[in-house]
Every structure is written in structure tokens, then in C-alpha cells.
Amino acid sequence: MEAVYKSTGIDPSQICSASRHKDVTLARTLFIVLCREFTVMSYPEIGRHLSRQGHSGIVEAYNRASRPDVADAIREKKEAATDYLRGCDGVLWRDET
């Protein structure tokens, strides 16, 4: 969550909120993508972390991130967040399981 905050400037409380503002939605999508690509978290675990009841919206957001318009919107922020995460200790990377 901190990596997304550092790369987007969107407060973690907003990312976990029900806000549908474009910037917040993109930050939330970035968080979901990073969780799926770099951790062992399942969709339901990500949903719980974002204070969501179910995981279907998480799956939908992850799939939406592959659309060219969304992928372009988060590309630079994703690179910044990934660089930040690579410098963190204690992160459980998907390839370390």
C-alpha cells in the first residue's frame, strides 16, 4: 500500500474507500496489480485488505488493468511502485514461494 501511496500520492484510506474518483480507482487498480504480480495474495485476501466484501470486483479490476487505456494510465506509476518495492526488505515475492 505504501508503494502505491509513494507513486500516486493517493492516501491509503482513499484507496480502501468506496471512492470512484478516477485517480483513486487507478491507484486501487495499481495496488491490485502489484499484489497479484509480486505477492502470493489471493483475490479474496486482496479484497479483505481493501475492506471489500467479495473478490469479484478485485478480479474485474485486475482484468481491466490489461486494457490498453488503463495499462497506459498506470504504467509509469507501476514502474515507480515496483522500484520502491524492490528496495524493501521483508516483502514476500511471488518467485520466492
N, C-alpha and C. Protein backbone atom coordinates (compact mmCIF):
# COMPACT_ATOMS: atom_id res chain seq x y z
N MET A 1 0.84 -1.19 0.00
CA MET A 1 0.00 0.00 0.00
C MET A 1 0.88 1.25 0.00
N GLU A 2 1.97 1.19 0.76
CA GLU A 2 2.86 2.34 0.84
C GLU A 2 3.49 2.65 -0.52
N ALA A 3 3.81 1.61 -1.29
CA ALA A 3 4.40 1.82 -2.61
C ALA A 3 3.43 2.54 -3.53
N VAL A 4 2.16 2.20 -3.44
CA VAL A 4 1.15 2.87 -4.26
C VAL A 4 1.00 4.31 -3.82
N TYR A 5 1.01 4.54 -2.51
CA TYR A 5 0.93 5.90 -1.99
C TYR A 5 2.12 6.73 -2.49
N LYS A 6 3.33 6.14 -2.40
CA LYS A 6 4.54 6.87 -2.82
C LYS A 6 4.52 7.19 -4.31
N SER A 7 3.95 6.30 -5.12
CA SER A 7 3.98 6.52 -6.57
C SER A 7 2.80 7.32 -7.10
N THR A 8 1.69 7.35 -6.34
CA THR A 8 0.50 8.06 -6.83
C THR A 8 0.13 9.28 -6.01
N GLY A 9 0.54 9.30 -4.73
CA GLY A 9 0.14 10.39 -3.85
C GLY A 9 -1.26 10.22 -3.30
N ILE A 10 -1.90 9.09 -3.59
CA ILE A 10 -3.25 8.81 -3.08
C ILE A 10 -3.12 8.15 -1.72
N ASP A 11 -3.77 8.73 -0.72
CA ASP A 11 -3.71 8.24 0.65
C ASP A 11 -4.29 6.82 0.75
N PRO A 12 -3.66 5.94 1.54
CA PRO A 12 -4.17 4.59 1.71
C PRO A 12 -5.65 4.52 2.14
N SER A 13 -6.09 5.48 2.95
CA SER A 13 -7.50 5.46 3.36
C SER A 13 -8.42 5.70 2.17
N GLN A 14 -7.96 6.48 1.20
CA GLN A 14 -8.76 6.69 -0.01
C GLN A 14 -8.75 5.44 -0.89
N ILE A 15 -7.61 4.77 -0.96
CA ILE A 15 -7.51 3.56 -1.77
C ILE A 15 -8.48 2.50 -1.24
N CYS A 16 -8.62 2.42 0.06
CA CYS A 16 -9.53 1.45 0.69
C CYS A 16 -10.98 1.93 0.73
N SER A 17 -11.21 3.17 0.35
CA SER A 17 -12.57 3.71 0.40
C SER A 17 -13.40 3.24 -0.79
N ALA A 18 -14.65 3.63 -0.81
CA ALA A 18 -15.55 3.29 -1.91
C ALA A 18 -15.52 4.35 -3.01
N SER A 19 -14.58 5.28 -2.93
CA SER A 19 -14.49 6.36 -3.91
C SER A 19 -14.35 5.82 -5.32
N ARG A 20 -15.04 6.48 -6.25
CA ARG A 20 -14.94 6.09 -7.65
C ARG A 20 -14.25 7.17 -8.48
N HIS A 21 -13.58 8.10 -7.81
CA HIS A 21 -12.81 9.13 -8.50
C HIS A 21 -11.73 8.44 -9.32
N LYS A 22 -11.49 8.95 -10.52
CA LYS A 22 -10.57 8.30 -11.45
C LYS A 22 -9.19 8.04 -10.84
N ASP A 23 -8.62 9.04 -10.18
CA ASP A 23 -7.28 8.87 -9.61
C ASP A 23 -7.26 7.80 -8.53
N VAL A 24 -8.31 7.76 -7.71
CA VAL A 24 -8.39 6.77 -6.64
C VAL A 24 -8.58 5.37 -7.23
N THR A 25 -9.43 5.27 -8.23
CA THR A 25 -9.68 3.99 -8.88
C THR A 25 -8.41 3.45 -9.52
N LEU A 26 -7.64 4.32 -10.18
CA LEU A 26 -6.39 3.87 -10.78
C LEU A 26 -5.38 3.44 -9.73
N ALA A 27 -5.32 4.15 -8.61
CA ALA A 27 -4.42 3.76 -7.53
C ALA A 27 -4.83 2.41 -6.95
N ARG A 28 -6.13 2.20 -6.79
CA ARG A 28 -6.63 0.92 -6.29
C ARG A 28 -6.30 -0.21 -7.27
N THR A 29 -6.47 0.06 -8.55
CA THR A 29 -6.15 -0.94 -9.57
C THR A 29 -4.66 -1.25 -9.55
N LEU A 30 -3.84 -0.23 -9.39
CA LEU A 30 -2.39 -0.44 -9.29
C LEU A 30 -2.05 -1.33 -8.11
N PHE A 31 -2.70 -1.07 -6.97
CA PHE A 31 -2.47 -1.89 -5.78
C PHE A 31 -2.81 -3.36 -6.06
N ILE A 32 -3.94 -3.59 -6.71
CA ILE A 32 -4.38 -4.95 -7.03
C ILE A 32 -3.38 -5.63 -7.96
N VAL A 33 -2.94 -4.93 -8.99
CA VAL A 33 -1.97 -5.48 -9.94
C VAL A 33 -0.67 -5.84 -9.23
N LEU A 34 -0.18 -4.94 -8.41
CA LEU A 34 1.07 -5.21 -7.69
C LEU A 34 0.93 -6.41 -6.76
N CYS A 35 -0.20 -6.50 -6.08
CA CYS A 35 -0.42 -7.65 -5.18
C CYS A 35 -0.43 -8.96 -5.94
N ARG A 36 -1.09 -8.98 -7.09
CA ARG A 36 -1.17 -10.21 -7.86
C ARG A 36 0.17 -10.57 -8.51
N GLU A 37 0.89 -9.59 -8.98
CA GLU A 37 2.11 -9.87 -9.71
C GLU A 37 3.32 -10.11 -8.80
N PHE A 38 3.33 -9.53 -7.61
CA PHE A 38 4.54 -9.59 -6.79
C PHE A 38 4.38 -10.29 -5.45
N THR A 39 3.16 -10.66 -5.08
CA THR A 39 2.97 -11.35 -3.81
C THR A 39 2.20 -12.65 -4.03
N VAL A 40 1.98 -13.35 -2.96
CA VAL A 40 1.23 -14.61 -3.03
C VAL A 40 -0.24 -14.40 -2.60
N MET A 41 -0.67 -13.16 -2.50
CA MET A 41 -2.03 -12.87 -2.05
C MET A 41 -3.06 -13.32 -3.09
N SER A 42 -4.12 -13.95 -2.60
CA SER A 42 -5.23 -14.35 -3.46
C SER A 42 -6.17 -13.17 -3.66
N TYR A 43 -7.10 -13.30 -4.60
CA TYR A 43 -8.09 -12.24 -4.81
C TYR A 43 -8.89 -11.96 -3.53
N PRO A 44 -9.37 -12.99 -2.82
CA PRO A 44 -10.09 -12.70 -1.58
C PRO A 44 -9.24 -12.00 -0.53
N GLU A 45 -7.95 -12.35 -0.43
CA GLU A 45 -7.06 -11.67 0.52
C GLU A 45 -6.89 -10.20 0.16
N ILE A 46 -6.73 -9.93 -1.13
CA ILE A 46 -6.61 -8.53 -1.57
C ILE A 46 -7.89 -7.79 -1.24
N GLY A 47 -9.02 -8.42 -1.49
CA GLY A 47 -10.31 -7.80 -1.19
C GLY A 47 -10.45 -7.47 0.29
N ARG A 48 -10.05 -8.38 1.14
CA ARG A 48 -10.11 -8.13 2.58
C ARG A 48 -9.19 -6.98 2.97
N HIS A 49 -8.02 -6.92 2.34
CA HIS A 49 -7.08 -5.84 2.63
C HIS A 49 -7.66 -4.48 2.22
N LEU A 50 -8.50 -4.48 1.20
CA LEU A 50 -9.14 -3.26 0.73
C LEU A 50 -10.52 -3.05 1.34
N SER A 51 -10.84 -3.82 2.37
CA SER A 51 -12.13 -3.72 3.08
C SER A 51 -13.31 -3.99 2.16
N ARG A 52 -13.17 -4.96 1.28
CA ARG A 52 -14.24 -5.33 0.36
C ARG A 52 -14.89 -6.62 0.84
N GLN A 53 -16.19 -6.74 0.58
CA GLN A 53 -16.93 -7.93 0.98
C GLN A 53 -16.53 -9.14 0.13
N GLY A 54 -16.55 -8.97 -1.17
CA GLY A 54 -16.25 -10.08 -2.07
C GLY A 54 -15.00 -9.82 -2.88
N HIS A 55 -14.67 -10.80 -3.70
CA HIS A 55 -13.47 -10.65 -4.50
C HIS A 55 -13.76 -10.44 -5.98
N SER A 56 -15.01 -10.47 -6.39
CA SER A 56 -15.32 -10.35 -7.82
C SER A 56 -14.90 -8.99 -8.38
N GLY A 57 -15.05 -7.94 -7.60
CA GLY A 57 -14.60 -6.61 -8.04
C GLY A 57 -13.10 -6.53 -8.17
N ILE A 58 -12.39 -7.29 -7.35
CA ILE A 58 -10.94 -7.34 -7.40
C ILE A 58 -10.50 -8.02 -8.70
N VAL A 59 -11.16 -9.12 -9.02
CA VAL A 59 -10.87 -9.83 -10.27
C VAL A 59 -11.15 -8.93 -11.46
N GLU A 60 -12.28 -8.24 -11.43
CA GLU A 60 -12.66 -7.34 -12.52
C GLU A 60 -11.63 -6.22 -12.68
N ALA A 61 -11.19 -5.64 -11.58
CA ALA A 61 -10.19 -4.57 -11.65
C ALA A 61 -8.87 -5.09 -12.21
N TYR A 62 -8.46 -6.27 -11.80
CA TYR A 62 -7.22 -6.86 -12.32
C TYR A 62 -7.32 -7.08 -13.82
N ASN A 63 -8.45 -7.61 -14.27
CA ASN A 63 -8.65 -7.85 -15.70
C ASN A 63 -8.72 -6.52 -16.47
N ARG A 64 -9.34 -5.53 -15.88
CA ARG A 64 -9.46 -4.21 -16.52
C ARG A 64 -8.08 -3.58 -16.70
N ALA A 65 -7.14 -3.90 -15.83
CA ALA A 65 -5.79 -3.33 -15.90
C ALA A 65 -5.06 -3.74 -17.17
N SER A 66 -5.51 -4.79 -17.83
CA SER A 66 -4.85 -5.22 -19.06
C SER A 66 -5.37 -4.46 -20.29
N ARG A 67 -6.45 -3.70 -20.13
CA ARG A 67 -6.94 -2.88 -21.24
C ARG A 67 -5.89 -1.82 -21.56
N PRO A 68 -5.67 -1.54 -22.83
CA PRO A 68 -4.60 -0.58 -23.20
C PRO A 68 -4.73 0.79 -22.53
N ASP A 69 -5.93 1.34 -22.43
CA ASP A 69 -6.09 2.66 -21.83
C ASP A 69 -5.72 2.66 -20.35
N VAL A 70 -6.11 1.63 -19.63
CA VAL A 70 -5.80 1.54 -18.21
C VAL A 70 -4.32 1.20 -18.01
N ALA A 71 -3.81 0.28 -18.82
CA ALA A 71 -2.39 -0.10 -18.71
C ALA A 71 -1.50 1.11 -18.95
N ASP A 72 -1.85 1.94 -19.93
CA ASP A 72 -1.07 3.15 -20.19
C ASP A 72 -1.13 4.11 -19.02
N ALA A 73 -2.32 4.21 -18.40
CA ALA A 73 -2.51 5.15 -17.29
C ALA A 73 -1.70 4.77 -16.06
N ILE A 74 -1.49 3.47 -15.85
CA ILE A 74 -0.78 3.05 -14.63
C ILE A 74 0.68 2.66 -14.87
N ARG A 75 1.12 2.62 -16.13
CA ARG A 75 2.47 2.12 -16.45
C ARG A 75 3.57 2.84 -15.67
N GLU A 76 3.61 4.15 -15.75
CA GLU A 76 4.67 4.91 -15.09
C GLU A 76 4.60 4.75 -13.57
N LYS A 77 3.40 4.80 -13.03
CA LYS A 77 3.22 4.65 -11.58
C LYS A 77 3.60 3.24 -11.14
N LYS A 78 3.30 2.25 -11.98
CA LYS A 78 3.66 0.87 -11.66
C LYS A 78 5.17 0.71 -11.60
N GLU A 79 5.87 1.31 -12.54
CA GLU A 79 7.34 1.24 -12.53
C GLU A 79 7.92 1.88 -11.27
N ALA A 80 7.38 3.02 -10.88
CA ALA A 80 7.85 3.70 -9.67
C ALA A 80 7.56 2.86 -8.43
N ALA A 81 6.37 2.29 -8.36
CA ALA A 81 6.00 1.46 -7.21
C ALA A 81 6.85 0.19 -7.15
N THR A 82 7.11 -0.40 -8.31
CA THR A 82 7.93 -1.60 -8.37
C THR A 82 9.35 -1.31 -7.90
N ASP A 83 9.90 -0.20 -8.35
CA ASP A 83 11.24 0.20 -7.90
C ASP A 83 11.28 0.37 -6.38
N TYR A 84 10.24 1.00 -5.84
CA TYR A 84 10.16 1.19 -4.39
C TYR A 84 10.11 -0.17 -3.68
N LEU A 85 9.27 -1.08 -4.18
CA LEU A 85 9.12 -2.39 -3.55
C LEU A 85 10.40 -3.22 -3.62
N ARG A 86 11.11 -3.12 -4.70
CA ARG A 86 12.35 -3.89 -4.85
C ARG A 86 13.39 -3.50 -3.80
N GLY A 87 13.27 -2.29 -3.28
CA GLY A 87 14.20 -1.83 -2.25
C GLY A 87 13.76 -2.16 -0.84
N CYS A 88 12.59 -2.78 -0.68
CA CYS A 88 12.06 -3.09 0.66
C CYS A 88 12.47 -4.48 1.10
N ASP A 89 12.81 -4.61 2.38
CA ASP A 89 13.07 -5.91 2.97
C ASP A 89 11.77 -6.48 3.50
N GLY A 90 11.68 -7.78 3.55
CA GLY A 90 10.52 -8.42 4.15
C GLY A 90 9.32 -8.56 3.22
N VAL A 91 9.49 -8.24 1.96
CA VAL A 91 8.39 -8.41 1.00
C VAL A 91 8.46 -9.83 0.48
N LEU A 92 7.35 -10.55 0.53
CA LEU A 92 7.30 -11.92 0.05
C LEU A 92 6.98 -11.90 -1.44
N TRP A 93 8.00 -12.10 -2.26
CA TRP A 93 7.83 -12.06 -3.71
C TRP A 93 7.29 -13.37 -4.21
N ARG A 94 6.51 -13.30 -5.25
CA ARG A 94 5.88 -14.48 -5.84
C ARG A 94 6.91 -15.55 -6.19
N ASP A 95 8.07 -15.17 -6.69
CA ASP A 95 9.07 -16.16 -7.11
C ASP A 95 9.86 -16.75 -5.93
N GLU A 96 9.56 -16.33 -4.70
CA GLU A 96 10.25 -16.86 -3.52
C GLU A 96 9.42 -17.87 -2.75
N THR A 97 8.25 -18.24 -3.28
CA THR A 97 7.38 -19.16 -2.55
C THR A 97 7.79 -20.58 -2.75
